[in-house]
PDB file of all heavy atoms in Angstrom:
ATOM      1  N   CYS A   1      -6.883   0.532  11.999  1.00  0.00           N
ATOM      2  CA  CYS A   1      -6.410  -0.484  11.071  1.00  0.00           C
ATOM      3  C   CYS A   1      -4.928  -0.291  10.811  1.00  0.00           C
ATOM      4  O   CYS A   1      -4.513   0.772  10.268  1.00  0.00           O
ATOM      5  CB  CYS A   1      -7.183  -0.385   9.762  1.00  0.00           C
ATOM      6  SG  CYS A   1      -6.824  -1.747   8.618  1.00  0.00           S
ATOM      7  N   GLY A   2      -4.117  -1.267  11.176  1.00  0.00           N
ATOM      8  CA  GLY A   2      -2.681  -1.180  11.014  1.00  0.00           C
ATOM      9  C   GLY A   2      -1.998  -2.487  11.279  1.00  0.00           C
ATOM     10  O   GLY A   2      -2.663  -3.437  11.764  1.00  0.00           O
ATOM     11  N   SER A   3      -0.730  -2.581  11.005  1.00  0.00           N
ATOM     12  CA  SER A   3      -0.025  -3.891  11.096  1.00  0.00           C
ATOM     13  C   SER A   3       0.889  -3.980  12.317  1.00  0.00           C
ATOM     14  O   SER A   3       1.359  -5.084  12.657  1.00  0.00           O
ATOM     15  CB  SER A   3       0.814  -4.092   9.860  1.00  0.00           C
ATOM     16  OG  SER A   3       1.762  -3.023   9.705  1.00  0.00           O
ATOM     17  N   SER A   4       1.169  -2.855  12.973  1.00  0.00           N
ATOM     18  CA  SER A   4       2.224  -2.831  14.020  1.00  0.00           C
ATOM     19  C   SER A   4       1.967  -3.780  15.175  1.00  0.00           C
ATOM     20  O   SER A   4       2.906  -4.381  15.714  1.00  0.00           O
ATOM     21  CB  SER A   4       2.431  -1.416  14.541  1.00  0.00           C
ATOM     22  OG  SER A   4       1.212  -0.881  15.011  1.00  0.00           O
ATOM     23  N   VAL A   5       0.720  -3.960  15.544  1.00  0.00           N
ATOM     24  CA  VAL A   5       0.364  -4.886  16.666  1.00  0.00           C
ATOM     25  C   VAL A   5      -0.115  -6.195  16.101  1.00  0.00           C
ATOM     26  O   VAL A   5       0.211  -7.257  16.607  1.00  0.00           O
ATOM     27  CB  VAL A   5      -0.721  -4.230  17.561  1.00  0.00           C
ATOM     28  CG1 VAL A   5      -1.270  -5.265  18.537  1.00  0.00           C
ATOM     29  CG2 VAL A   5      -0.140  -3.036  18.317  1.00  0.00           C
ATOM     30  N   TRP A   6      -0.895  -6.142  15.023  1.00  0.00           N
ATOM     31  CA  TRP A   6      -1.502  -7.319  14.458  1.00  0.00           C
ATOM     32  C   TRP A   6      -0.437  -8.268  13.857  1.00  0.00           C
ATOM     33  O   TRP A   6      -0.412  -9.448  14.174  1.00  0.00           O
ATOM     34  CB  TRP A   6      -2.466  -6.894  13.339  1.00  0.00           C
ATOM     35  CG  TRP A   6      -3.525  -7.890  13.015  1.00  0.00           C
ATOM     36  CD1 TRP A   6      -3.461  -9.256  13.138  1.00  0.00           C
ATOM     37  CD2 TRP A   6      -4.855  -7.634  12.505  1.00  0.00           C
ATOM     38  NE1 TRP A   6      -4.618  -9.873  12.704  1.00  0.00           N
ATOM     39  CE2 TRP A   6      -5.496  -8.896  12.359  1.00  0.00           C
ATOM     40  CE3 TRP A   6      -5.502  -6.454  12.199  1.00  0.00           C
ATOM     41  CZ2 TRP A   6      -6.804  -8.940  11.846  1.00  0.00           C
ATOM     42  CZ3 TRP A   6      -6.802  -6.547  11.715  1.00  0.00           C
ATOM     43  CH2 TRP A   6      -7.429  -7.782  11.542  1.00  0.00           C
ATOM     44  N   LYS A   7       0.432  -7.717  13.046  1.00  0.00           N
ATOM     45  CA  LYS A   7       1.523  -8.533  12.478  1.00  0.00           C
ATOM     46  C   LYS A   7       2.721  -7.611  12.225  1.00  0.00           C
ATOM     47  O   LYS A   7       2.893  -7.112  11.089  1.00  0.00           O
ATOM     48  CB  LYS A   7       1.077  -9.206  11.180  1.00  0.00           C
ATOM     49  CG  LYS A   7       2.090 -10.232  10.657  1.00  0.00           C
ATOM     50  CD  LYS A   7       1.576 -10.961   9.435  1.00  0.00           C
ATOM     51  CE  LYS A   7       2.595 -12.034   8.954  1.00  0.00           C
ATOM     52  NZ  LYS A   7       2.107 -12.762   7.767  1.00  0.00           N
ATOM     53  N   PRO A   8       3.519  -7.367  13.258  1.00  0.00           N
ATOM     54  CA  PRO A   8       4.605  -6.357  13.112  1.00  0.00           C
ATOM     55  C   PRO A   8       5.673  -6.791  12.096  1.00  0.00           C
ATOM     56  O   PRO A   8       6.055  -7.950  12.024  1.00  0.00           O
ATOM     57  CB  PRO A   8       5.162  -6.288  14.560  1.00  0.00           C
ATOM     58  CG  PRO A   8       4.757  -7.554  15.209  1.00  0.00           C
ATOM     59  CD  PRO A   8       3.435  -7.943  14.581  1.00  0.00           C
ATOM     60  N   VAL A   9       6.125  -5.785  11.350  1.00  0.00           N
ATOM     61  CA  VAL A   9       7.237  -5.967  10.406  1.00  0.00           C
ATOM     62  C   VAL A   9       8.306  -4.937  10.768  1.00  0.00           C
ATOM     63  O   VAL A   9       7.985  -3.718  10.789  1.00  0.00           O
ATOM     64  CB  VAL A   9       6.786  -5.787   8.951  1.00  0.00           C
ATOM     65  CG1 VAL A   9       8.022  -5.852   7.997  1.00  0.00           C
ATOM     66  CG2 VAL A   9       5.778  -6.816   8.579  1.00  0.00           C
ATOM     67  N   TYR A  10       9.508  -5.346  11.049  1.00  0.00           N
ATOM     68  CA  TYR A  10      10.560  -4.400  11.416  1.00  0.00           C
ATOM     69  C   TYR A  10      11.191  -3.783  10.194  1.00  0.00           C
ATOM     70  O   TYR A  10      11.259  -4.413   9.101  1.00  0.00           O
ATOM     71  CB  TYR A  10      11.637  -5.145  12.276  1.00  0.00           C
ATOM     72  CG  TYR A  10      11.081  -5.536  13.630  1.00  0.00           C
ATOM     73  CD1 TYR A  10      10.537  -6.816  13.801  1.00  0.00           C
ATOM     74  CD2 TYR A  10      11.061  -4.645  14.710  1.00  0.00           C
ATOM     75  CE1 TYR A  10       9.998  -7.195  15.022  1.00  0.00           C
ATOM     76  CE2 TYR A  10      10.538  -5.026  15.912  1.00  0.00           C
ATOM     77  CZ  TYR A  10      10.012  -6.314  16.084  1.00  0.00           C
ATOM     78  OH  TYR A  10       9.466  -6.683  17.283  1.00  0.00           O
ATOM     79  N   ILE A  11      11.680  -2.599  10.330  1.00  0.00           N
ATOM     80  CA  ILE A  11      12.220  -1.840   9.193  1.00  0.00           C
ATOM     81  C   ILE A  11      13.371  -2.580   8.551  1.00  0.00           C
ATOM     82  O   ILE A  11      13.538  -2.534   7.344  1.00  0.00           O
ATOM     83  CB  ILE A  11      12.611  -0.379   9.631  1.00  0.00           C
ATOM     84  CG1 ILE A  11      12.827   0.495   8.407  1.00  0.00           C
ATOM     85  CG2 ILE A  11      13.843  -0.421  10.504  1.00  0.00           C
ATOM     86  CD1 ILE A  11      11.546   0.845   7.696  1.00  0.00           C
ATOM     87  N   GLN A  12      14.202  -3.201   9.363  1.00  0.00           N
ATOM     88  CA  GLN A  12      15.381  -3.962   8.819  1.00  0.00           C
ATOM     89  C   GLN A  12      14.885  -5.084   7.919  1.00  0.00           C
ATOM     90  O   GLN A  12      15.399  -5.319   6.830  1.00  0.00           O
ATOM     91  CB  GLN A  12      16.234  -4.475   9.938  1.00  0.00           C
ATOM     92  CG  GLN A  12      17.538  -5.162   9.461  1.00  0.00           C
ATOM     93  CD  GLN A  12      18.454  -4.191   8.774  1.00  0.00           C
ATOM     94  OE1 GLN A  12      18.887  -3.214   9.391  1.00  0.00           O
ATOM     95  NE2 GLN A  12      18.739  -4.448   7.505  1.00  0.00           N
ATOM     96  N   THR A  13      13.822  -5.809   8.379  1.00  0.00           N
ATOM     97  CA  THR A  13      13.281  -6.876   7.591  1.00  0.00           C
ATOM     98  C   THR A  13      12.677  -6.348   6.276  1.00  0.00           C
ATOM     99  O   THR A  13      12.869  -6.932   5.220  1.00  0.00           O
ATOM    100  CB  THR A  13      12.139  -7.607   8.376  1.00  0.00           C
ATOM    101  OG1 THR A  13      12.703  -8.077   9.613  1.00  0.00           O
ATOM    102  CG2 THR A  13      11.601  -8.777   7.580  1.00  0.00           C
ATOM    103  N   ASN A  14      12.016  -5.207   6.387  1.00  0.00           N
ATOM    104  CA  ASN A  14      11.368  -4.594   5.242  1.00  0.00           C
ATOM    105  C   ASN A  14      12.410  -4.262   4.155  1.00  0.00           C
ATOM    106  O   ASN A  14      12.229  -4.579   2.964  1.00  0.00           O
ATOM    107  CB  ASN A  14      10.656  -3.316   5.654  1.00  0.00           C
ATOM    108  CG  ASN A  14      10.066  -2.542   4.475  1.00  0.00           C
ATOM    109  OD1 ASN A  14       9.059  -2.966   3.948  1.00  0.00           O
ATOM    110  ND2 ASN A  14      10.703  -1.455   4.134  1.00  0.00           N
ATOM    111  N   TYR A  15      13.538  -3.674   4.585  1.00  0.00           N
ATOM    112  CA  TYR A  15      14.531  -3.280   3.585  1.00  0.00           C
ATOM    113  C   TYR A  15      15.366  -4.445   3.074  1.00  0.00           C
ATOM    114  O   TYR A  15      15.883  -4.386   1.933  1.00  0.00           O
ATOM    115  CB  TYR A  15      15.365  -2.123   4.112  1.00  0.00           C
ATOM    116  CG  TYR A  15      14.684  -0.800   3.979  1.00  0.00           C
ATOM    117  CD1 TYR A  15      14.179  -0.119   5.038  1.00  0.00           C
ATOM    118  CD2 TYR A  15      14.407  -0.275   2.693  1.00  0.00           C
ATOM    119  CE1 TYR A  15      13.481   1.074   4.893  1.00  0.00           C
ATOM    120  CE2 TYR A  15      13.706   0.909   2.512  1.00  0.00           C
ATOM    121  CZ  TYR A  15      13.242   1.568   3.616  1.00  0.00           C
ATOM    122  OH  TYR A  15      12.530   2.749   3.447  1.00  0.00           O
ATOM    123  N   THR A  16      15.500  -5.459   3.869  1.00  0.00           N
ATOM    124  CA  THR A  16      16.200  -6.677   3.367  1.00  0.00           C
ATOM    125  C   THR A  16      15.372  -7.245   2.211  1.00  0.00           C
ATOM    126  O   THR A  16      15.922  -7.596   1.178  1.00  0.00           O
ATOM    127  CB  THR A  16      16.323  -7.716   4.481  1.00  0.00           C
ATOM    128  OG1 THR A  16      17.133  -7.168   5.552  1.00  0.00           O
ATOM    129  CG2 THR A  16      16.955  -9.005   3.961  1.00  0.00           C
ATOM    130  N   LEU A  17      14.072  -7.326   2.399  1.00  0.00           N
ATOM    131  CA  LEU A  17      13.205  -7.816   1.331  1.00  0.00           C
ATOM    132  C   LEU A  17      13.184  -6.862   0.126  1.00  0.00           C
ATOM    133  O   LEU A  17      13.206  -7.292  -1.026  1.00  0.00           O
ATOM    134  CB  LEU A  17      11.758  -7.984   1.871  1.00  0.00           C
ATOM    135  CG  LEU A  17      11.540  -9.045   2.928  1.00  0.00           C
ATOM    136  CD1 LEU A  17      10.160  -8.953   3.547  1.00  0.00           C
ATOM    137  CD2 LEU A  17      11.776 -10.442   2.350  1.00  0.00           C
ATOM    138  N   PHE A  18      13.148  -5.575   0.433  1.00  0.00           N
ATOM    139  CA  PHE A  18      13.096  -4.524  -0.616  1.00  0.00           C
ATOM    140  C   PHE A  18      14.305  -4.687  -1.557  1.00  0.00           C
ATOM    141  O   PHE A  18      14.174  -4.658  -2.763  1.00  0.00           O
ATOM    142  CB  PHE A  18      13.074  -3.182   0.048  1.00  0.00           C
ATOM    143  CG  PHE A  18      13.300  -2.026  -0.892  1.00  0.00           C
ATOM    144  CD1 PHE A  18      12.246  -1.578  -1.706  1.00  0.00           C
ATOM    145  CD2 PHE A  18      14.553  -1.420  -1.001  1.00  0.00           C
ATOM    146  CE1 PHE A  18      12.466  -0.499  -2.590  1.00  0.00           C
ATOM    147  CE2 PHE A  18      14.727  -0.376  -1.894  1.00  0.00           C
ATOM    148  CZ  PHE A  18      13.705   0.088  -2.667  1.00  0.00           C
ATOM    149  N   PHE A  19      15.506  -4.820  -0.997  1.00  0.00           N
ATOM    150  CA  PHE A  19      16.705  -4.864  -1.824  1.00  0.00           C
ATOM    151  C   PHE A  19      16.832  -6.190  -2.616  1.00  0.00           C
ATOM    152  O   PHE A  19      17.440  -6.243  -3.664  1.00  0.00           O
ATOM    153  CB  PHE A  19      17.970  -4.612  -0.998  1.00  0.00           C
ATOM    154  CG  PHE A  19      18.108  -3.159  -0.630  1.00  0.00           C
ATOM    155  CD1 PHE A  19      18.043  -2.766   0.709  1.00  0.00           C
ATOM    156  CD2 PHE A  19      18.278  -2.179  -1.605  1.00  0.00           C
ATOM    157  CE1 PHE A  19      18.160  -1.427   1.040  1.00  0.00           C
ATOM    158  CE2 PHE A  19      18.383  -0.849  -1.271  1.00  0.00           C
ATOM    159  CZ  PHE A  19      18.329  -0.458   0.075  1.00  0.00           C
ATOM    160  N   LYS A  20      16.212  -7.250  -2.079  1.00  0.00           N
ATOM    161  CA  LYS A  20      16.148  -8.514  -2.858  1.00  0.00           C
ATOM    162  C   LYS A  20      15.326  -8.258  -4.094  1.00  0.00           C
ATOM    163  O   LYS A  20      15.641  -8.774  -5.186  1.00  0.00           O
ATOM    164  CB  LYS A  20      15.555  -9.617  -1.995  1.00  0.00           C
ATOM    165  CG  LYS A  20      16.487 -10.180  -0.952  1.00  0.00           C
ATOM    166  CD  LYS A  20      15.858 -11.320  -0.170  1.00  0.00           C
ATOM    167  CE  LYS A  20      16.800 -11.897   0.863  1.00  0.00           C
ATOM    168  NZ  LYS A  20      16.162 -12.994   1.650  1.00  0.00           N
ATOM    169  N   VAL A  21      14.182  -7.561  -3.961  1.00  0.00           N
ATOM    170  CA  VAL A  21      13.321  -7.279  -5.088  1.00  0.00           C
ATOM    171  C   VAL A  21      14.000  -6.364  -6.077  1.00  0.00           C
ATOM    172  O   VAL A  21      13.975  -6.548  -7.301  1.00  0.00           O
ATOM    173  CB  VAL A  21      11.968  -6.652  -4.635  1.00  0.00           C
ATOM    174  CG1 VAL A  21      11.138  -6.306  -5.834  1.00  0.00           C
ATOM    175  CG2 VAL A  21      11.225  -7.641  -3.742  1.00  0.00           C
ATOM    176  N   VAL A  22      14.668  -5.333  -5.581  1.00  0.00           N
ATOM    177  CA  VAL A  22      15.387  -4.374  -6.455  1.00  0.00           C
ATOM    178  C   VAL A  22      16.504  -5.066  -7.246  1.00  0.00           C
ATOM    179  O   VAL A  22      16.738  -4.762  -8.403  1.00  0.00           O
ATOM    180  CB  VAL A  22      15.975  -3.211  -5.596  1.00  0.00           C
ATOM    181  CG1 VAL A  22      16.922  -2.370  -6.455  1.00  0.00           C
ATOM    182  CG2 VAL A  22      14.859  -2.348  -5.066  1.00  0.00           C
ATOM    183  N   GLU A  23      17.188  -6.021  -6.618  1.00  0.00           N
ATOM    184  CA  GLU A  23      18.240  -6.728  -7.316  1.00  0.00           C
ATOM    185  C   GLU A  23      17.665  -7.591  -8.449  1.00  0.00           C
ATOM    186  O   GLU A  23      18.212  -7.719  -9.534  1.00  0.00           O
ATOM    187  CB  GLU A  23      19.029  -7.655  -6.342  1.00  0.00           C
ATOM    188  CG  GLU A  23      20.165  -8.395  -6.995  1.00  0.00           C
ATOM    189  CD  GLU A  23      20.981  -9.177  -5.991  1.00  0.00           C
ATOM    190  OE1 GLU A  23      20.547  -9.317  -4.841  1.00  0.00           O
ATOM    191  OE2 GLU A  23      22.073  -9.616  -6.374  1.00  0.00           O
ATOM    192  N   LYS A  24      16.480  -8.157  -8.188  1.00  0.00           N
ATOM    193  CA  LYS A  24      15.835  -9.005  -9.192  1.00  0.00           C
ATOM    194  C   LYS A  24      15.156  -8.190 -10.288  1.00  0.00           C
ATOM    195  O   LYS A  24      15.169  -8.576 -11.467  1.00  0.00           O
ATOM    196  CB  LYS A  24      14.803  -9.952  -8.531  1.00  0.00           C
ATOM    197  CG  LYS A  24      14.288 -11.041  -9.411  1.00  0.00           C
ATOM    198  CD  LYS A  24      13.432 -12.013  -8.595  1.00  0.00           C
ATOM    199  CE  LYS A  24      12.978 -13.188  -9.440  1.00  0.00           C
ATOM    200  NZ  LYS A  24      12.130 -14.135  -8.687  1.00  0.00           N
ATOM    201  N   TYR A  25      14.618  -7.080  -9.884  1.00  0.00           N
ATOM    202  CA  TYR A  25      13.879  -6.192 -10.853  1.00  0.00           C
ATOM    203  C   TYR A  25      14.385  -4.746 -10.664  1.00  0.00           C
ATOM    204  O   TYR A  25      13.622  -3.880 -10.185  1.00  0.00           O
ATOM    205  CB  TYR A  25      12.372  -6.284 -10.645  1.00  0.00           C
ATOM    206  CG  TYR A  25      11.853  -7.675 -10.788  1.00  0.00           C
ATOM    207  CD1 TYR A  25      11.497  -8.447  -9.686  1.00  0.00           C
ATOM    208  CD2 TYR A  25      11.579  -8.202 -12.084  1.00  0.00           C
ATOM    209  CE1 TYR A  25      11.020  -9.743  -9.811  1.00  0.00           C
ATOM    210  CE2 TYR A  25      11.103  -9.489 -12.198  1.00  0.00           C
ATOM    211  CZ  TYR A  25      10.807 -10.266 -11.102  1.00  0.00           C
ATOM    212  OH  TYR A  25      10.334 -11.522 -11.253  1.00  0.00           O
ATOM    213  N   PRO A  26      15.612  -4.449 -11.087  1.00  0.00           N
ATOM    214  CA  PRO A  26      16.157  -3.087 -10.893  1.00  0.00           C
ATOM    215  C   PRO A  26      15.503  -2.095 -11.840  1.00  0.00           C
ATOM    216  O   PRO A  26      14.926  -2.433 -12.846  1.00  0.00           O
ATOM    217  CB  PRO A  26      17.598  -3.277 -11.239  1.00  0.00           C
ATOM    218  CG  PRO A  26      17.669  -4.433 -12.177  1.00  0.00           C
ATOM    219  CD  PRO A  26      16.585  -5.372 -11.724  1.00  0.00           C
ATOM    220  N   PHE A  27      15.598  -0.790 -11.429  1.00  0.00           N
ATOM    221  CA  PHE A  27      15.102   0.288 -12.243  1.00  0.00           C
ATOM    222  C   PHE A  27      16.136   0.609 -13.360  1.00  0.00           C
ATOM    223  O   PHE A  27      17.344   0.675 -13.088  1.00  0.00           O
ATOM    224  CB  PHE A  27      14.881   1.551 -11.431  1.00  0.00           C
ATOM    225  CG  PHE A  27      13.898   1.373 -10.269  1.00  0.00           C
ATOM    226  CD1 PHE A  27      13.978   2.202  -9.163  1.00  0.00           C
ATOM    227  CD2 PHE A  27      12.929   0.341 -10.331  1.00  0.00           C
ATOM    228  CE1 PHE A  27      13.053   2.050  -8.126  1.00  0.00           C
ATOM    229  CE2 PHE A  27      12.046   0.188  -9.286  1.00  0.00           C
ATOM    230  CZ  PHE A  27      12.136   1.049  -8.184  1.00  0.00           C
ATOM    231  N   SER A  28      15.657   0.806 -14.568  1.00  0.00           N
ATOM    232  CA  SER A  28      16.555   1.007 -15.691  1.00  0.00           C
ATOM    233  C   SER A  28      17.296   2.344 -15.644  1.00  0.00           C
ATOM    234  O   SER A  28      18.359   2.495 -16.245  1.00  0.00           O
ATOM    235  CB  SER A  28      15.801   0.889 -17.010  1.00  0.00           C
ATOM    236  OG  SER A  28      14.837   1.852 -17.112  1.00  0.00           O
ATOM    237  N   LYS A  29      16.740   3.320 -14.912  1.00  0.00           N
ATOM    238  CA  LYS A  29      17.343   4.660 -14.884  1.00  0.00           C
ATOM    239  C   LYS A  29      18.040   4.948 -13.561  1.00  0.00           C
ATOM    240  O   LYS A  29      18.264   6.125 -13.223  1.00  0.00           O
ATOM    241  CB  LYS A  29      16.280   5.734 -15.184  1.00  0.00           C
ATOM    242  CG  LYS A  29      15.746   5.627 -16.614  1.00  0.00           C
ATOM    243  CD  LYS A  29      14.692   6.727 -16.832  1.00  0.00           C
ATOM    244  CE  LYS A  29      14.153   6.611 -18.271  1.00  0.00           C
ATOM    245  NZ  LYS A  29      13.127   7.636 -18.534  1.00  0.00           N
ATOM    246  N   MET A  30      18.409   3.929 -12.803  1.00  0.00           N
ATOM    247  CA  MET A  30      19.088   4.177 -11.556  1.00  0.00           C
ATOM    248  C   MET A  30      20.412   4.897 -11.788  1.00  0.00           C
ATOM    249  O   MET A  30      21.085   4.661 -12.813  1.00  0.00           O
ATOM    250  CB  MET A  30      19.294   2.867 -10.774  1.00  0.00           C
ATOM    251  CG  MET A  30      20.274   1.893 -11.411  1.00  0.00           C
ATOM    252  SD  MET A  30      20.536   0.451 -10.348  1.00  0.00           S
ATOM    253  CE  MET A  30      18.947  -0.316 -10.368  1.00  0.00           C
ATOM    254  N   VAL A  31      20.743   5.817 -10.881  1.00  0.00           N
ATOM    255  CA  VAL A  31      21.941   6.624 -11.050  1.00  0.00           C
ATOM    256  C   VAL A  31      23.093   6.102 -10.228  1.00  0.00           C
ATOM    257  O   VAL A  31      24.253   6.461 -10.479  1.00  0.00           O
ATOM    258  CB  VAL A  31      21.670   8.114 -10.693  1.00  0.00           C
ATOM    259  CG1 VAL A  31      20.610   8.674 -11.579  1.00  0.00           C
ATOM    260  CG2 VAL A  31      21.268   8.219  -9.204  1.00  0.00           C
ATOM    261  N   TRP A  32      22.798   5.228  -9.226  1.00  0.00           N
ATOM    262  CA  TRP A  32      23.877   4.647  -8.447  1.00  0.00           C
ATOM    263  C   TRP A  32      23.346   3.339  -7.853  1.00  0.00           C
ATOM    264  O   TRP A  32      22.157   3.082  -7.830  1.00  0.00           O
ATOM    265  CB  TRP A  32      24.379   5.571  -7.333  1.00  0.00           C
ATOM    266  CG  TRP A  32      25.678   5.131  -6.691  1.00  0.00           C
ATOM    267  CD1 TRP A  32      25.871   4.622  -5.465  1.00  0.00           C
ATOM    268  CD2 TRP A  32      26.982   5.134  -7.342  1.00  0.00           C
ATOM    269  NE1 TRP A  32      27.177   4.284  -5.259  1.00  0.00           N
ATOM    270  CE2 TRP A  32      27.874   4.600  -6.379  1.00  0.00           C
ATOM    271  CE3 TRP A  32      27.458   5.503  -8.589  1.00  0.00           C
ATOM    272  CZ2 TRP A  32      29.208   4.421  -6.673  1.00  0.00           C
ATOM    273  CZ3 TRP A  32      28.816   5.349  -8.819  1.00  0.00           C
ATOM    274  CH2 TRP A  32      29.682   4.822  -7.891  1.00  0.00           C
ATOM    275  N   TYR A  33      24.248   2.521  -7.389  1.00  0.00           N
ATOM    276  CA  TYR A  33      23.871   1.270  -6.749  1.00  0.00           C
ATOM    277  C   TYR A  33      23.017   1.520  -5.529  1.00  0.00           C
ATOM    278  O   TYR A  33      23.386   2.301  -4.650  1.00  0.00           O
ATOM    279  CB  TYR A  33      25.171   0.457  -6.355  1.00  0.00           C
ATOM    280  CG  TYR A  33      24.897  -0.777  -5.585  1.00  0.00           C
ATOM    281  CD1 TYR A  33      24.321  -1.865  -6.217  1.00  0.00           C
ATOM    282  CD2 TYR A  33      25.249  -0.876  -4.263  1.00  0.00           C
ATOM    283  CE1 TYR A  33      24.089  -3.052  -5.527  1.00  0.00           C
ATOM    284  CE2 TYR A  33      25.025  -2.038  -3.525  1.00  0.00           C
ATOM    285  CZ  TYR A  33      24.465  -3.118  -4.174  1.00  0.00           C
ATOM    286  OH  TYR A  33      24.232  -4.308  -3.484  1.00  0.00           O
ATOM    287  N   PRO A  34      21.842   0.926  -5.451  1.00  0.00           N
ATOM    288  CA  PRO A  34      20.940   1.203  -4.339  1.00  0.00           C
ATOM    289  C   PRO A  34      21.370   0.535  -3.056  1.00  0.00           C
ATOM    290  O   PRO A  34      21.543  -0.682  -2.989  1.00  0.00           O
ATOM    291  CB  PRO A  34      19.567   0.689  -4.833  1.00  0.00           C
ATOM    292  CG  PRO A  34      19.945  -0.370  -5.849  1.00  0.00           C
ATOM    293  CD  PRO A  34      21.220   0.056  -6.482  1.00  0.00           C
ATOM    294  N   PHE A  35      21.495   1.303  -2.022  1.00  0.00           N
ATOM    295  CA  PHE A  35      21.726   0.808  -0.660  1.00  0.00           C
ATOM    296  C   PHE A  35      21.215   1.900   0.284  1.00  0.00           C
ATOM    297  O   PHE A  35      21.000   3.010  -0.100  1.00  0.00           O
ATOM    298  CB  PHE A  35      23.246   0.594  -0.417  1.00  0.00           C
ATOM    299  CG  PHE A  35      24.069   1.815  -0.365  1.00  0.00           C
ATOM    300  CD1 PHE A  35      24.336   2.468   0.848  1.00  0.00           C
ATOM    301  CD2 PHE A  35      24.587   2.404  -1.529  1.00  0.00           C
ATOM    302  CE1 PHE A  35      25.074   3.625   0.863  1.00  0.00           C
ATOM    303  CE2 PHE A  35      25.336   3.556  -1.513  1.00  0.00           C
ATOM    304  CZ  PHE A  35      25.602   4.179  -0.279  1.00  0.00           C
ATOM    305  N   VAL A  36      20.965   1.529   1.531  1.00  0.00           N
ATOM    306  CA  VAL A  36      20.501   2.505   2.495  1.00  0.00           C
ATOM    307  C   VAL A  36      21.161   2.223   3.872  1.00  0.00           C
ATOM    308  O   VAL A  36      21.352   1.079   4.252  1.00  0.00           O
ATOM    309  CB  VAL A  36      18.970   2.462   2.595  1.00  0.00           C
ATOM    310  CG1 VAL A  36      18.487   1.197   3.264  1.00  0.00           C
ATOM    311  CG2 VAL A  36      18.465   3.666   3.358  1.00  0.00           C
ATOM    312  N   ILE A  37      21.491   3.290   4.537  1.00  0.00           N
ATOM    313  CA  ILE A  37      22.038   3.252   5.879  1.00  0.00           C
ATOM    314  C   ILE A  37      20.968   3.782   6.841  1.00  0.00           C
ATOM    315  O   ILE A  37      20.426   4.878   6.582  1.00  0.00           O
ATOM    316  CB  ILE A  37      23.327   4.072   6.036  1.00  0.00           C
ATOM    317  CG1 ILE A  37      24.387   3.513   5.083  1.00  0.00           C
ATOM    318  CG2 ILE A  37      23.827   4.063   7.472  1.00  0.00           C
ATOM    319  CD1 ILE A  37      25.629   4.432   4.989  1.00  0.00           C
TER     320      ILE A  37
END
């Protein structure tokens, strides 16, 4: 049971969506602007 073959999601797509959510609902105790390389 997994998604990689059934409905693959690429890591770049995942983090693009992730940062959209973080911008809309940020953590109140963040110590720096969230980004990832």
